[in-house]
Amino acid sequence: MIYYEIQDLKGNNLAGNMHEFSRAAEFRDKKSFSSHFNGKGIKSIEEDLGDIKVWVLVENEGDLLKSSKLFKKTLELYKTISLQLYKHYLVEVDAHGHMLTTIQAQIMQQIDMFADNSEFYGDSFSESVAKVSRIVEGDKESAARLICYIKKRMTDMRAHLLGVEIIHSGEQYEIKPVVVSLKRAILNQYAPFSEEFDESAIRIRFYFDESSEIEVDKNMFSLIMYNFFSNAVKYAKPNSEIRLNYVGDDNCLDVSMISLKMERDEINDLFNQGVRGRHAEDIPGKGIGLFVIRKSLELMEKKLMYISPEYGRNYNEDGFVYIENHFKFWF
């Protein structure tokens, strides 16, 4: 077996499977050695590559342990892969950091539009609260809209962070199933998008009541519905409906809507990271939503969401081709 670990200069583990090696703690402080323990050959080496350190350990692999040349080639391969992985990691971290910084800046911009910073500050906390209260009293509607906007952006931030965790270290996420009201759980993730749906005259209709319950991990279900509605806002046909029907006997949630056409030959690929449909090329997006939905369902050991398009019902509007699509979840 070959184990490896990649660390940054601060000693943080970036990637690897060394945690699967039952005796890792025993050898962590003596990473360069070659010996036999209880009849099993173990060879290990750590190398400093500048920005990162790579630790490779080989246990009970006869050919690698007998041939120094083959062991060296294996180490060089892991070093090359590790450097590329680290560069990819830096790009990912930078992209996620940029996203969070953008959300923070957008929140501050909305607050600044509501009132100048100087109007919020007083000589004490109680004076600041009194000033803010007077501002809110003078324009309650704007204050309410600001609160809704901040709630939306905080939901975006939470979903983004959880999505990053699932994409990069999902195997370490601990699933905690609980029973929830299906309708309330869906509305909790729909609410942040309600203004955008209103602007596009897209209505949501439930064909089941709050008595319908499912057992899921709340974080994973929230992440699924967040990404689903995030896609629906972009791809659903304006002035249409999103219909949600739950069949308790089958434990199946069927969501139907008139949305952007997906060709038969691309549906399976759309669940992969960074893949977007041909008809979505002119709509901003990163092709991440269905991938996160897939990963979340896999972690809960649920079936993959099934997409069932009705190709006989086409709608053309503003240069886009829409059809009626059914999205089915089994919980």
C-alpha atoms as a PDB file:
ATOM      1  CA  MET A   1       0.000   0.000   0.000  1.00  0.00           C
ATOM      2  CA  ILE A   2       1.205   3.533  -0.771  1.00  0.00           C
ATOM      3  CA  TYR A   3       0.259   6.370   1.569  1.00  0.00           C
ATOM      4  CA  TYR A   4       1.034  10.041   1.090  1.00  0.00           C
ATOM      5  CA  GLU A   5       0.464  13.391   2.733  1.00  0.00           C
ATOM      6  CA  ILE A   6       0.861  16.955   1.437  1.00  0.00           C
ATOM      7  CA  GLN A   7       1.420  19.761   3.957  1.00  0.00           C
ATOM      8  CA  ASP A   8       1.811  23.504   3.569  1.00  0.00           C
ATOM      9  CA  LEU A   9       4.550  25.481   5.328  1.00  0.00           C
ATOM     10  CA  LYS A  10       2.389  25.846   8.439  1.00  0.00           C
ATOM     11  CA  GLY A  11       1.983  22.094   8.773  1.00  0.00           C
ATOM     12  CA  ASN A  12      -1.631  22.027   7.604  1.00  0.00           C
ATOM     13  CA  ASN A  13      -2.615  18.869   5.733  1.00  0.00           C
ATOM     14  CA  LEU A  14      -3.790  19.774   2.242  1.00  0.00           C
ATOM     15  CA  ALA A  15      -4.404  16.317   0.785  1.00  0.00           C
ATOM     16  CA  GLY A  16      -3.495  12.676   1.125  1.00  0.00           C
ATOM     17  CA  ASN A  17      -4.556   9.313   2.526  1.00  0.00           C
ATOM     18  CA  MET A  18      -2.060   9.026   5.387  1.00  0.00           C
ATOM     19  CA  HIS A  19      -4.967   9.083   7.850  1.00  0.00           C
ATOM     20  CA  GLU A  20      -5.853   5.593   6.561  1.00  0.00           C
ATOM     21  CA  PHE A  21      -2.464   4.234   7.717  1.00  0.00           C
ATOM     22  CA  SER A  22      -3.142   2.776  11.165  1.00  0.00           C
ATOM     23  CA  ARG A  23       0.373   3.506  12.451  1.00  0.00           C
ATOM     24  CA  ALA A  24       0.805   7.030  11.047  1.00  0.00           C
ATOM     25  CA  ALA A  25       1.098   8.586  14.509  1.00  0.00           C
ATOM     26  CA  GLU A  26       3.900   6.157  15.375  1.00  0.00           C
ATOM     27  CA  PHE A  27       6.077   7.352  12.487  1.00  0.00           C
ATOM     28  CA  ARG A  28       4.976  10.984  12.194  1.00  0.00           C
ATOM     29  CA  ASP A  29       8.150  12.389  13.809  1.00  0.00           C
ATOM     30  CA  LYS A  30      10.549  10.092  11.933  1.00  0.00           C
ATOM     31  CA  LYS A  31       9.349  10.435   8.387  1.00  0.00           C
ATOM     32  CA  SER A  32      12.508   9.306   6.597  1.00  0.00           C
ATOM     33  CA  PHE A  33      13.391   5.678   7.314  1.00  0.00           C
ATOM     34  CA  SER A  34      13.596   2.196   5.855  1.00  0.00           C
ATOM     35  CA  SER A  35      13.074  -0.794   8.075  1.00  0.00           C
ATOM     36  CA  HIS A  36      11.067  -3.889   8.919  1.00  0.00           C
ATOM     37  CA  PHE A  37       8.442  -4.034  11.625  1.00  0.00           C
ATOM     38  CA  ASN A  38       6.849  -7.344  12.627  1.00  0.00           C
ATOM     39  CA  GLY A  39       7.926  -8.904   9.348  1.00  0.00           C
ATOM     40  CA  LYS A  40       6.435  -6.128   7.217  1.00  0.00           C
ATOM     41  CA  GLY A  41       8.634  -3.877   5.165  1.00  0.00           C
ATOM     42  CA  ILE A  42       8.058  -0.162   5.513  1.00  0.00           C
ATOM     43  CA  LYS A  43       9.881   2.566   3.644  1.00  0.00           C
ATOM     44  CA  SER A  44       9.155   6.236   4.067  1.00  0.00           C
ATOM     45  CA  ILE A  45      10.578   9.557   2.964  1.00  0.00           C
ATOM     46  CA  GLU A  46       9.651  13.208   3.322  1.00  0.00           C
ATOM     47  CA  GLU A  47      10.834  15.891   0.908  1.00  0.00           C
ATOM     48  CA  ASP A  48      10.609  19.686   1.104  1.00  0.00           C
ATOM     49  CA  LEU A  49       9.458  21.124  -2.223  1.00  0.00           C
ATOM     50  CA  GLY A  50       9.596  24.774  -1.214  1.00  0.00           C
ATOM     51  CA  ASP A  51       5.942  25.726  -0.674  1.00  0.00           C
ATOM     52  CA  ILE A  52       4.904  22.251   0.428  1.00  0.00           C
ATOM     53  CA  LYS A  53       6.215  19.070   2.027  1.00  0.00           C
ATOM     54  CA  VAL A  54       5.403  15.624   0.663  1.00  0.00           C
ATOM     55  CA  TRP A  55       5.537  12.523   2.825  1.00  0.00           C
ATOM     56  CA  VAL A  56       5.323   9.163   1.008  1.00  0.00           C
ATOM     57  CA  LEU A  57       5.168   5.866   2.903  1.00  0.00           C
ATOM     58  CA  VAL A  58       5.216   2.396   1.327  1.00  0.00           C
ATOM     59  CA  GLU A  59       4.061  -0.579   3.380  1.00  0.00           C
ATOM     60  CA  ASN A  60       4.478  -4.221   2.367  1.00  0.00           C
ATOM     61  CA  GLU A  61       4.918  -3.547  -1.361  1.00  0.00           C
ATOM     62  CA  GLY A  62       7.704  -5.972  -2.306  1.00  0.00           C
ATOM     63  CA  ASP A  63       8.805  -4.517  -5.664  1.00  0.00           C
ATOM     64  CA  LEU A  64       9.004  -0.951  -4.368  1.00  0.00           C
ATOM     65  CA  LEU A  65      10.814  -1.941  -1.194  1.00  0.00           C
ATOM     66  CA  LYS A  66      13.417  -4.070  -2.988  1.00  0.00           C
ATOM     67  CA  SER A  67      14.219  -1.595  -5.767  1.00  0.00           C
ATOM     68  CA  SER A  68      15.550   1.807  -4.759  1.00  0.00           C
ATOM     69  CA  LYS A  69      15.262   2.898  -8.390  1.00  0.00           C
ATOM     70  CA  LEU A  70      11.561   2.009  -8.551  1.00  0.00           C
ATOM     71  CA  PHE A  71      10.940   3.650  -5.165  1.00  0.00           C
ATOM     72  CA  LYS A  72      12.661   6.833  -6.384  1.00  0.00           C
ATOM     73  CA  LYS A  73      10.541   6.893  -9.549  1.00  0.00           C
ATOM     74  CA  THR A  74       7.407   6.468  -7.447  1.00  0.00           C
ATOM     75  CA  LEU A  75       8.468   9.329  -5.184  1.00  0.00           C
ATOM     76  CA  GLU A  76       9.125  11.574  -8.205  1.00  0.00           C
ATOM     77  CA  LEU A  77       5.651  10.777  -9.535  1.00  0.00           C
ATOM     78  CA  TYR A  78       4.015  11.707  -6.230  1.00  0.00           C
ATOM     79  CA  LYS A  79       6.087  14.888  -6.026  1.00  0.00           C
ATOM     80  CA  THR A  80       4.948  15.950  -9.503  1.00  0.00           C
ATOM     81  CA  ILE A  81       1.310  15.206  -8.736  1.00  0.00           C
ATOM     82  CA  SER A  82       1.559  16.955  -5.367  1.00  0.00           C
ATOM     83  CA  LEU A  83       2.903  20.177  -6.867  1.00  0.00           C
ATOM     84  CA  GLN A  84       0.108  20.266  -9.454  1.00  0.00           C
ATOM     85  CA  LEU A  85      -2.468  19.502  -6.776  1.00  0.00           C
ATOM     86  CA  TYR A  86      -1.095  22.286  -4.592  1.00  0.00           C
ATOM     87  CA  LYS A  87      -1.282  24.795  -7.452  1.00  0.00           C
ATOM     88  CA  HIS A  88      -4.865  23.729  -8.089  1.00  0.00           C
ATOM     89  CA  TYR A  89      -5.582  24.118  -4.359  1.00  0.00           C
ATOM     90  CA  LEU A  90      -4.247  27.695  -4.404  1.00  0.00           C
ATOM     91  CA  VAL A  91      -6.436  28.584  -7.391  1.00  0.00           C
ATOM     92  CA  GLU A  92      -9.498  27.108  -5.671  1.00  0.00           C
ATOM     93  CA  VAL A  93      -8.797  28.934  -2.401  1.00  0.00           C
ATOM     94  CA  ASP A  94      -8.307  32.210  -4.264  1.00  0.00           C
ATOM     95  CA  ALA A  95     -11.584  31.751  -6.167  1.00  0.00           C
ATOM     96  CA  HIS A  96     -13.574  30.976  -3.010  1.00  0.00           C
ATOM     97  CA  GLY A  97     -11.898  33.814  -1.122  1.00  0.00           C
ATOM     98  CA  HIS A  98     -12.789  36.207  -3.938  1.00  0.00           C
ATOM     99  CA  MET A  99     -16.416  35.061  -3.813  1.00  0.00           C
ATOM    100  CA  LEU A 100     -16.693  35.651  -0.059  1.00  0.00           C
ATOM    101  CA  THR A 101     -14.991  39.045  -0.360  1.00  0.00           C
ATOM    102  CA  THR A 102     -17.441  39.992  -3.108  1.00  0.00           C
ATOM    103  CA  ILE A 103     -20.442  39.019  -0.965  1.00  0.00           C
ATOM    104  CA  GLN A 104     -19.063  41.028   1.957  1.00  0.00           C
ATOM    105  CA  ALA A 105     -18.529  44.077  -0.269  1.00  0.00           C
ATOM    106  CA  GLN A 106     -22.062  43.800  -1.672  1.00  0.00           C
ATOM    107  CA  ILE A 107     -23.542  43.714   1.830  1.00  0.00           C
ATOM    108  CA  MET A 108     -21.556  46.787   2.868  1.00  0.00           C
ATOM    109  CA  GLN A 109     -22.616  48.590  -0.308  1.00  0.00           C
ATOM    110  CA  GLN A 110     -26.288  48.004   0.497  1.00  0.00           C
ATOM    111  CA  ILE A 111     -25.794  49.229   4.074  1.00  0.00           C
ATOM    112  CA  ASP A 112     -24.011  52.361   2.794  1.00  0.00           C
ATOM    113  CA  MET A 113     -26.905  53.019   0.414  1.00  0.00           C
ATOM    114  CA  PHE A 114     -29.337  52.779   3.311  1.00  0.00           C
ATOM    115  CA  ALA A 115     -27.470  55.304   5.492  1.00  0.00           C
ATOM    116  CA  ASP A 116     -24.046  56.906   5.771  1.00  0.00           C
ATOM    117  CA  ASN A 117     -21.729  55.222   8.276  1.00  0.00           C
ATOM    118  CA  SER A 118     -21.552  58.362  10.399  1.00  0.00           C
ATOM    119  CA  GLU A 119     -25.290  58.132  11.007  1.00  0.00           C
ATOM    120  CA  PHE A 120     -24.866  54.775  12.765  1.00  0.00           C
ATOM    121  CA  TYR A 121     -22.182  55.726  15.246  1.00  0.00           C
ATOM    122  CA  GLY A 122     -22.603  57.238  18.710  1.00  0.00           C
ATOM    123  CA  ASP A 123     -20.454  57.758  21.796  1.00  0.00           C
ATOM    124  CA  SER A 124     -21.809  54.493  23.220  1.00  0.00           C
ATOM    125  CA  PHE A 125     -23.485  51.334  22.012  1.00  0.00           C
ATOM    126  CA  SER A 126     -26.861  52.464  23.346  1.00  0.00           C
ATOM    127  CA  GLU A 127     -26.544  55.761  21.449  1.00  0.00           C
ATOM    128  CA  SER A 128     -25.704  53.858  18.239  1.00  0.00           C
ATOM    129  CA  VAL A 129     -28.782  51.655  18.740  1.00  0.00           C
ATOM    130  CA  ALA A 130     -30.933  54.750  19.228  1.00  0.00           C
ATOM    131  CA  LYS A 131     -29.576  56.317  16.024  1.00  0.00           C
ATOM    132  CA  VAL A 132     -30.215  53.162  14.017  1.00  0.00           C
ATOM    133  CA  SER A 133     -33.726  52.934  15.477  1.00  0.00           C
ATOM    134  CA  ARG A 134     -34.507  56.478  14.315  1.00  0.00           C
ATOM    135  CA  ILE A 135     -33.178  55.710  10.816  1.00  0.00           C
ATOM    136  CA  VAL A 136     -35.285  52.542  10.602  1.00  0.00           C
ATOM    137  CA  GLU A 137     -38.366  54.343  11.905  1.00  0.00           C
ATOM    138  CA  GLY A 138     -37.960  56.919   9.147  1.00  0.00           C
ATOM    139  CA  ASP A 139     -37.865  54.342   6.343  1.00  0.00           C
ATOM    140  CA  LYS A 140     -39.232  51.001   7.489  1.00  0.00           C
ATOM    141  CA  GLU A 141     -39.628  49.531   4.011  1.00  0.00           C
ATOM    142  CA  SER A 142     -36.017  50.187   3.049  1.00  0.00           C
ATOM    143  CA  ALA A 143     -34.872  48.750   6.377  1.00  0.00           C
ATOM    144  CA  ALA A 144     -36.960  45.627   5.813  1.00  0.00           C
ATOM    145  CA  ARG A 145     -35.535  45.226   2.297  1.00  0.00           C
ATOM    146  CA  LEU A 146     -32.016  45.638   3.667  1.00  0.00           C
ATOM    147  CA  ILE A 147     -32.599  42.903   6.246  1.00  0.00           C
ATOM    148  CA  CYS A 148     -33.987  40.581   3.543  1.00  0.00           C
ATOM    149  CA  TYR A 149     -30.989  41.333   1.337  1.00  0.00           C
ATOM    150  CA  ILE A 150     -28.492  40.618   4.136  1.00  0.00           C
ATOM    151  CA  LYS A 151     -30.345  37.380   4.954  1.00  0.00           C
ATOM    152  CA  LYS A 152     -30.095  36.357   1.293  1.00  0.00           C
ATOM    153  CA  ARG A 153     -26.372  37.080   1.085  1.00  0.00           C
ATOM    154  CA  MET A 154     -25.690  35.283   4.368  1.00  0.00           C
ATOM    155  CA  THR A 155     -27.524  32.262   2.956  1.00  0.00           C
ATOM    156  CA  ASP A 156     -25.370  32.536  -0.169  1.00  0.00           C
ATOM    157  CA  MET A 157     -22.244  32.631   1.979  1.00  0.00           C
ATOM    158  CA  ARG A 158     -23.291  29.640   4.083  1.00  0.00           C
ATOM    159  CA  ALA A 159     -24.184  27.575   1.008  1.00  0.00           C
ATOM    160  CA  HIS A 160     -20.922  28.550  -0.656  1.00  0.00           C
ATOM    161  CA  LEU A 161     -18.815  27.494   2.338  1.00  0.00           C
ATOM    162  CA  LEU A 162     -20.719  24.233   2.787  1.00  0.00           C
ATOM    163  CA  GLY A 163     -20.447  23.553  -0.939  1.00  0.00           C
ATOM    164  CA  VAL A 164     -16.674  24.021  -0.774  1.00  0.00           C
ATOM    165  CA  GLU A 165     -16.503  21.582   2.131  1.00  0.00           C
ATOM    166  CA  ILE A 166     -18.524  18.965   0.242  1.00  0.00           C
ATOM    167  CA  ILE A 167     -16.522  19.362  -2.972  1.00  0.00           C
ATOM    168  CA  HIS A 168     -13.078  19.230  -1.384  1.00  0.00           C
ATOM    169  CA  SER A 169     -13.503  17.071   1.730  1.00  0.00           C
ATOM    170  CA  GLY A 170     -16.978  15.583   1.531  1.00  0.00           C
ATOM    171  CA  GLU A 171     -15.811  12.130   2.602  1.00  0.00           C
ATOM    172  CA  GLN A 172     -15.025  13.557   6.043  1.00  0.00           C
ATOM    173  CA  TYR A 173     -18.480  15.119   6.490  1.00  0.00           C
ATOM    174  CA  GLU A 174     -20.562  13.357   9.136  1.00  0.00           C
ATOM    175  CA  ILE A 175     -24.150  12.715   8.035  1.00  0.00           C
ATOM    176  CA  LYS A 176     -26.731  13.319  10.802  1.00  0.00           C
ATOM    177  CA  PRO A 177     -30.219  12.255   9.634  1.00  0.00           C
ATOM    178  CA  VAL A 178     -33.212  13.963  11.243  1.00  0.00           C
ATOM    179  CA  VAL A 179     -36.920  14.072  10.418  1.00  0.00           C
ATOM    180  CA  VAL A 180     -38.034  17.402   8.916  1.00  0.00           C
ATOM    181  CA  SER A 181     -41.168  18.892   7.393  1.00  0.00           C
ATOM    182  CA  LEU A 182     -40.501  18.712   3.656  1.00  0.00           C
ATOM    183  CA  LYS A 183     -42.480  21.854   2.828  1.00  0.00           C
ATOM    184  CA  ARG A 184     -40.905  24.011   5.535  1.00  0.00           C
ATOM    185  CA  ALA A 185     -37.404  22.768   4.677  1.00  0.00           C
ATOM    186  CA  ILE A 186     -37.945  23.689   1.015  1.00  0.00           C
ATOM    187  CA  LEU A 187     -39.397  27.112   1.833  1.00  0.00           C
ATOM    188  CA  ASN A 188     -36.386  27.830   4.045  1.00  0.00           C
ATOM    189  CA  GLN A 189     -34.158  27.708   0.954  1.00  0.00           C
ATOM    190  CA  TYR A 190     -36.711  29.231  -1.420  1.00  0.00           C
ATOM    191  CA  ALA A 191     -37.141  32.393   0.691  1.00  0.00           C
ATOM    192  CA  PRO A 192     -33.749  33.970  -0.191  1.00  0.00           C
ATOM    193  CA  PHE A 193     -34.629  33.708  -3.906  1.00  0.00           C
ATOM    194  CA  SER A 194     -38.250  34.880  -3.597  1.00  0.00           C
ATOM    195  CA  GLU A 195     -37.537  38.437  -4.802  1.00  0.00           C
ATOM    196  CA  GLU A 196     -35.756  37.164  -7.912  1.00  0.00           C
ATOM    197  CA  PHE A 197     -38.621  34.777  -8.635  1.00  0.00           C
ATOM    198  CA  ASP A 198     -41.114  37.640  -8.187  1.00  0.00           C
ATOM    199  CA  GLU A 199     -39.158  39.811 -10.618  1.00  0.00           C
ATOM    200  CA  SER A 200     -39.388  37.055 -13.242  1.00  0.00           C
ATOM    201  CA  ALA A 201     -43.056  36.332 -12.381  1.00  0.00           C
ATOM    202  CA  ILE A 202     -42.182  32.740 -11.486  1.00  0.00           C
ATOM    203  CA  ARG A 203     -44.599  31.230  -8.972  1.00  0.00           C
ATOM    204  CA  ILE A 204     -44.029  28.246  -6.711  1.00  0.00           C
ATOM    205  CA  ARG A 205     -46.885  25.826  -5.990  1.00  0.00           C
ATOM    206  CA  PHE A 206     -46.980  22.952  -3.498  1.00  0.00           C
ATOM    207  CA  TYR A 207     -49.171  19.934  -4.063  1.00  0.00           C
ATOM    208  CA  PHE A 208     -48.627  18.555  -0.559  1.00  0.00           C
ATOM    209  CA  ASP A 209     -48.941  20.005   2.945  1.00  0.00           C
ATOM    210  CA  GLU A 210     -46.716  20.349   6.008  1.00  0.00           C
ATOM    211  CA  SER A 211     -47.639  16.891   7.264  1.00  0.00           C
ATOM    212  CA  SER A 212     -45.242  15.320   4.735  1.00  0.00           C
ATOM    213  CA  GLU A 213     -41.940  14.484   6.434  1.00  0.00           C
ATOM    214  CA  ILE A 214     -38.636  13.054   5.269  1.00  0.00           C
ATOM    215  CA  GLU A 215     -35.461  11.904   7.016  1.00  0.00           C
ATOM    216  CA  VAL A 216     -32.368  13.718   5.759  1.00  0.00           C
ATOM    217  CA  ASP A 217     -29.250  15.511   6.887  1.00  0.00           C
ATOM    218  CA  LYS A 218     -30.492  19.110   7.236  1.00  0.00           C
ATOM    219  CA  ASN A 219     -27.306  20.694   5.904  1.00  0.00           C
ATOM    220  CA  MET A 220     -27.221  18.440   2.851  1.00  0.00           C
ATOM    221  CA  PHE A 221     -30.912  18.957   2.098  1.00  0.00           C
ATOM    222  CA  SER A 222     -30.516  22.737   2.442  1.00  0.00           C
ATOM    223  CA  LEU A 223     -27.525  22.609   0.088  1.00  0.00           C
ATOM    224  CA  ILE A 224     -29.505  20.575  -2.448  1.00  0.00           C
ATOM    225  CA  MET A 225     -32.481  22.936  -2.416  1.00  0.00           C
ATOM    226  CA  TYR A 226     -30.290  26.048  -2.435  1.00  0.00           C
ATOM    227  CA  ASN A 227     -28.471  24.912  -5.568  1.00  0.00           C
ATOM    228  CA  PHE A 228     -31.724  23.745  -7.141  1.00  0.00           C
ATOM    229  CA  PHE A 229     -33.401  27.137  -6.680  1.00  0.00           C
ATOM    230  CA  SER A 230     -30.200  28.928  -7.695  1.00  0.00           C
ATOM    231  CA  ASN A 231     -30.418  27.068 -11.011  1.00  0.00           C
ATOM    232  CA  ALA A 232     -34.166  27.592 -11.312  1.00  0.00           C
ATOM    233  CA  VAL A 233     -33.775  31.373 -10.995  1.00  0.00           C
ATOM    234  CA  LYS A 234     -31.384  31.339 -13.955  1.00  0.00           C
ATOM    235  CA  TYR A 235     -32.968  28.697 -16.162  1.00  0.00           C
ATOM    236  CA  ALA A 236     -36.750  28.706 -15.537  1.00  0.00           C
ATOM    237  CA  LYS A 237     -38.936  30.424 -18.112  1.00  0.00           C
ATOM    238  CA  PRO A 238     -40.197  33.854 -16.941  1.00  0.00           C
ATOM    239  CA  ASN A 239     -43.917  34.033 -16.129  1.00  0.00           C
ATOM    240  CA  SER A 240     -44.228  30.325 -15.347  1.00  0.00           C
ATOM    241  CA  GLU A 241     -44.719  27.983 -12.388  1.00  0.00           C
ATOM    242  CA  ILE A 242     -42.563  25.625 -10.375  1.00  0.00           C
ATOM    243  CA  ARG A 243     -44.737  22.738  -9.187  1.00  0.00           C
ATOM    244  CA  LEU A 244     -43.689  20.529  -6.299  1.00  0.00           C
ATOM    245  CA  ASN A 245     -45.427  17.233  -5.705  1.00  0.00           C
ATOM    246  CA  TYR A 246     -44.524  14.650  -3.071  1.00  0.00           C
ATOM    247  CA  VAL A 247     -45.560  10.994  -3.325  1.00  0.00           C
ATOM    248  CA  GLY A 248     -45.251   9.567   0.157  1.00  0.00           C
ATOM    249  CA  ASP A 249     -45.537   5.900  -0.848  1.00  0.00           C
ATOM    250  CA  ASP A 250     -42.508   6.272  -3.117  1.00  0.00           C
ATOM    251  CA  ASN A 251     -40.807   8.866  -0.892  1.00  0.00           C
ATOM    252  CA  CYS A 252     -40.364  10.865  -4.107  1.00  0.00           C
ATOM    253  CA  LEU A 253     -40.308  14.634  -4.591  1.00  0.00           C
ATOM    254  CA  ASP A 254     -41.181  15.568  -8.182  1.00  0.00           C
ATOM    255  CA  VAL A 255     -40.395  19.163  -9.151  1.00  0.00           C
ATOM    256  CA  SER A 256     -41.634  20.225 -12.585  1.00  0.00           C
ATOM    257  CA  MET A 257     -41.048  23.495 -14.399  1.00  0.00           C
ATOM    258  CA  ILE A 258     -40.703  24.992 -17.838  1.00  0.00           C
ATOM    259  CA  SER A 259     -36.970  25.558 -17.984  1.00  0.00           C
ATOM    260  CA  LEU A 260     -34.018  25.623 -20.339  1.00  0.00           C
ATOM    261  CA  LYS A 261     -33.798  22.655 -22.670  1.00  0.00           C
ATOM    262  CA  MET A 262     -31.254  19.944 -21.868  1.00  0.00           C
ATOM    263  CA  GLU A 263     -30.315  17.643 -24.706  1.00  0.00           C
ATOM    264  CA  ARG A 264     -30.489  13.873 -24.130  1.00  0.00           C
ATOM    265  CA  ASP A 265     -26.788  13.352 -24.788  1.00  0.00           C
ATOM    266  CA  GLU A 266     -25.658  15.897 -22.180  1.00  0.00           C
ATOM    267  CA  ILE A 267     -27.886  15.222 -19.161  1.00  0.00           C
ATOM    268  CA  ASN A 268     -25.538  12.742 -17.442  1.00  0.00           C
ATOM    269  CA  ASP A 269     -22.509  14.997 -17.986  1.00  0.00           C
ATOM    270  CA  LEU A 270     -24.294  17.973 -16.393  1.00  0.00           C
ATOM    271  CA  PHE A 271     -23.768  16.346 -12.979  1.00  0.00           C
ATOM    272  CA  ASN A 272     -19.989  16.707 -13.386  1.00  0.00           C
ATOM    273  CA  GLN A 273     -18.111  19.713 -12.022  1.00  0.00           C
ATOM    274  CA  GLY A 274     -17.823  22.648 -14.405  1.00  0.00           C
ATOM    275  CA  VAL A 275     -20.071  21.183 -17.119  1.00  0.00           C
ATOM    276  CA  ARG A 276     -22.845  23.370 -18.568  1.00  0.00           C
ATOM    277  CA  GLY A 277     -25.499  22.615 -21.147  1.00  0.00           C
ATOM    278  CA  ARG A 278     -25.261  23.871 -24.720  1.00  0.00           C
ATOM    279  CA  HIS A 279     -28.397  25.991 -24.309  1.00  0.00           C
ATOM    280  CA  ALA A 280     -26.964  27.663 -21.173  1.00  0.00           C
ATOM    281  CA  GLU A 281     -23.837  29.089 -22.784  1.00  0.00           C
ATOM    282  CA  ASP A 282     -25.197  32.668 -22.830  1.00  0.00           C
ATOM    283  CA  ILE A 283     -26.315  32.569 -19.180  1.00  0.00           C
ATOM    284  CA  PRO A 284     -23.714  33.322 -16.461  1.00  0.00           C
ATOM    285  CA  GLY A 285     -22.770  30.306 -14.378  1.00  0.00           C
ATOM    286  CA  LYS A 286     -19.958  27.943 -13.396  1.00  0.00           C
ATOM    287  CA  GLY A 287     -21.623  24.552 -13.872  1.00  0.00           C
ATOM    288  CA  ILE A 288     -21.410  23.706 -10.185  1.00  0.00           C
ATOM    289  CA  GLY A 289     -25.045  23.400  -9.024  1.00  0.00           C
ATOM    290  CA  LEU A 290     -25.911  19.892 -10.223  1.00  0.00           C
ATOM    291  CA  PHE A 291     -22.471  18.658  -9.188  1.00  0.00           C
ATOM    292  CA  VAL A 292     -23.040  19.802  -5.588  1.00  0.00           C
ATOM    293  CA  ILE A 293     -26.535  18.263  -5.646  1.00  0.00           C
ATOM    294  CA  ARG A 294     -25.032  14.964  -6.802  1.00  0.00           C
ATOM    295  CA  LYS A 295     -22.316  15.012  -4.121  1.00  0.00           C
ATOM    296  CA  SER A 296     -24.833  15.846  -1.374  1.00  0.00           C
ATOM    297  CA  LEU A 297     -27.135  12.993  -2.393  1.00  0.00           C
ATOM    298  CA  GLU A 298     -24.182  10.589  -2.554  1.00  0.00           C
ATOM    299  CA  LEU A 299     -23.091  11.527   0.962  1.00  0.00           C
ATOM    300  CA  MET A 300     -26.612  10.786   2.243  1.00  0.00           C
ATOM    301  CA  GLU A 301     -26.558   7.544   0.206  1.00  0.00           C
ATOM    302  CA  LYS A 302     -29.629   8.646  -1.763  1.00  0.00           C
ATOM    303  CA  LYS A 303     -30.389   8.009  -5.423  1.00  0.00           C
ATOM    304  CA  LEU A 304     -29.116  10.499  -7.980  1.00  0.00           C
ATOM    305  CA  MET A 305     -31.639  13.169  -8.944  1.00  0.00           C
ATOM    306  CA  TYR A 306     -33.438  11.993 -12.090  1.00  0.00           C
ATOM    307  CA  ILE A 307     -34.098  14.514 -14.870  1.00  0.00           C
ATOM    308  CA  SER A 308     -37.025  13.692 -17.143  1.00  0.00           C
ATOM    309  CA  PRO A 309     -37.562  16.225 -19.990  1.00  0.00           C
ATOM    310  CA  GLU A 310     -40.778  16.319 -22.018  1.00  0.00           C
ATOM    311  CA  TYR A 311     -39.288  17.030 -25.428  1.00  0.00           C
ATOM    312  CA  GLY A 312     -42.696  17.282 -27.092  1.00  0.00           C
ATOM    313  CA  ARG A 313     -43.475  20.560 -25.290  1.00  0.00           C
ATOM    314  CA  ASN A 314     -41.199  23.347 -26.537  1.00  0.00           C
ATOM    315  CA  TYR A 315     -41.351  27.067 -25.763  1.00  0.00           C
ATOM    316  CA  ASN A 316     -39.222  29.702 -27.469  1.00  0.00           C
ATOM    317  CA  GLU A 317     -38.734  33.076 -25.822  1.00  0.00           C
ATOM    318  CA  ASP A 318     -36.044  35.775 -26.147  1.00  0.00           C
ATOM    319  CA  GLY A 319     -33.809  33.408 -28.107  1.00  0.00           C
ATOM    320  CA  PHE A 320     -33.952  30.616 -25.502  1.00  0.00           C
ATOM    321  CA  VAL A 321     -35.507  27.184 -25.947  1.00  0.00           C
ATOM    322  CA  TYR A 322     -37.534  25.957 -22.965  1.00  0.00           C
ATOM    323  CA  ILE A 323     -39.249  22.637 -22.343  1.00  0.00           C
ATOM    324  CA  GLU A 324     -41.106  21.092 -19.428  1.00  0.00           C
ATOM    325  CA  ASN A 325     -38.600  19.312 -17.189  1.00  0.00           C
ATOM    326  CA  HIS A 326     -39.243  17.011 -14.236  1.00  0.00           C
ATOM    327  CA  PHE A 327     -36.624  16.711 -11.495  1.00  0.00           C
ATOM    328  CA  LYS A 328     -37.161  13.733  -9.201  1.00  0.00           C
ATOM    329  CA  PHE A 329     -35.610  13.160  -5.771  1.00  0.00           C
ATOM    330  CA  TRP A 330     -35.978  10.040  -3.644  1.00  0.00           C
ATOM    331  CA  PHE A 331     -35.585  10.739   0.062  1.00  0.00           C
END
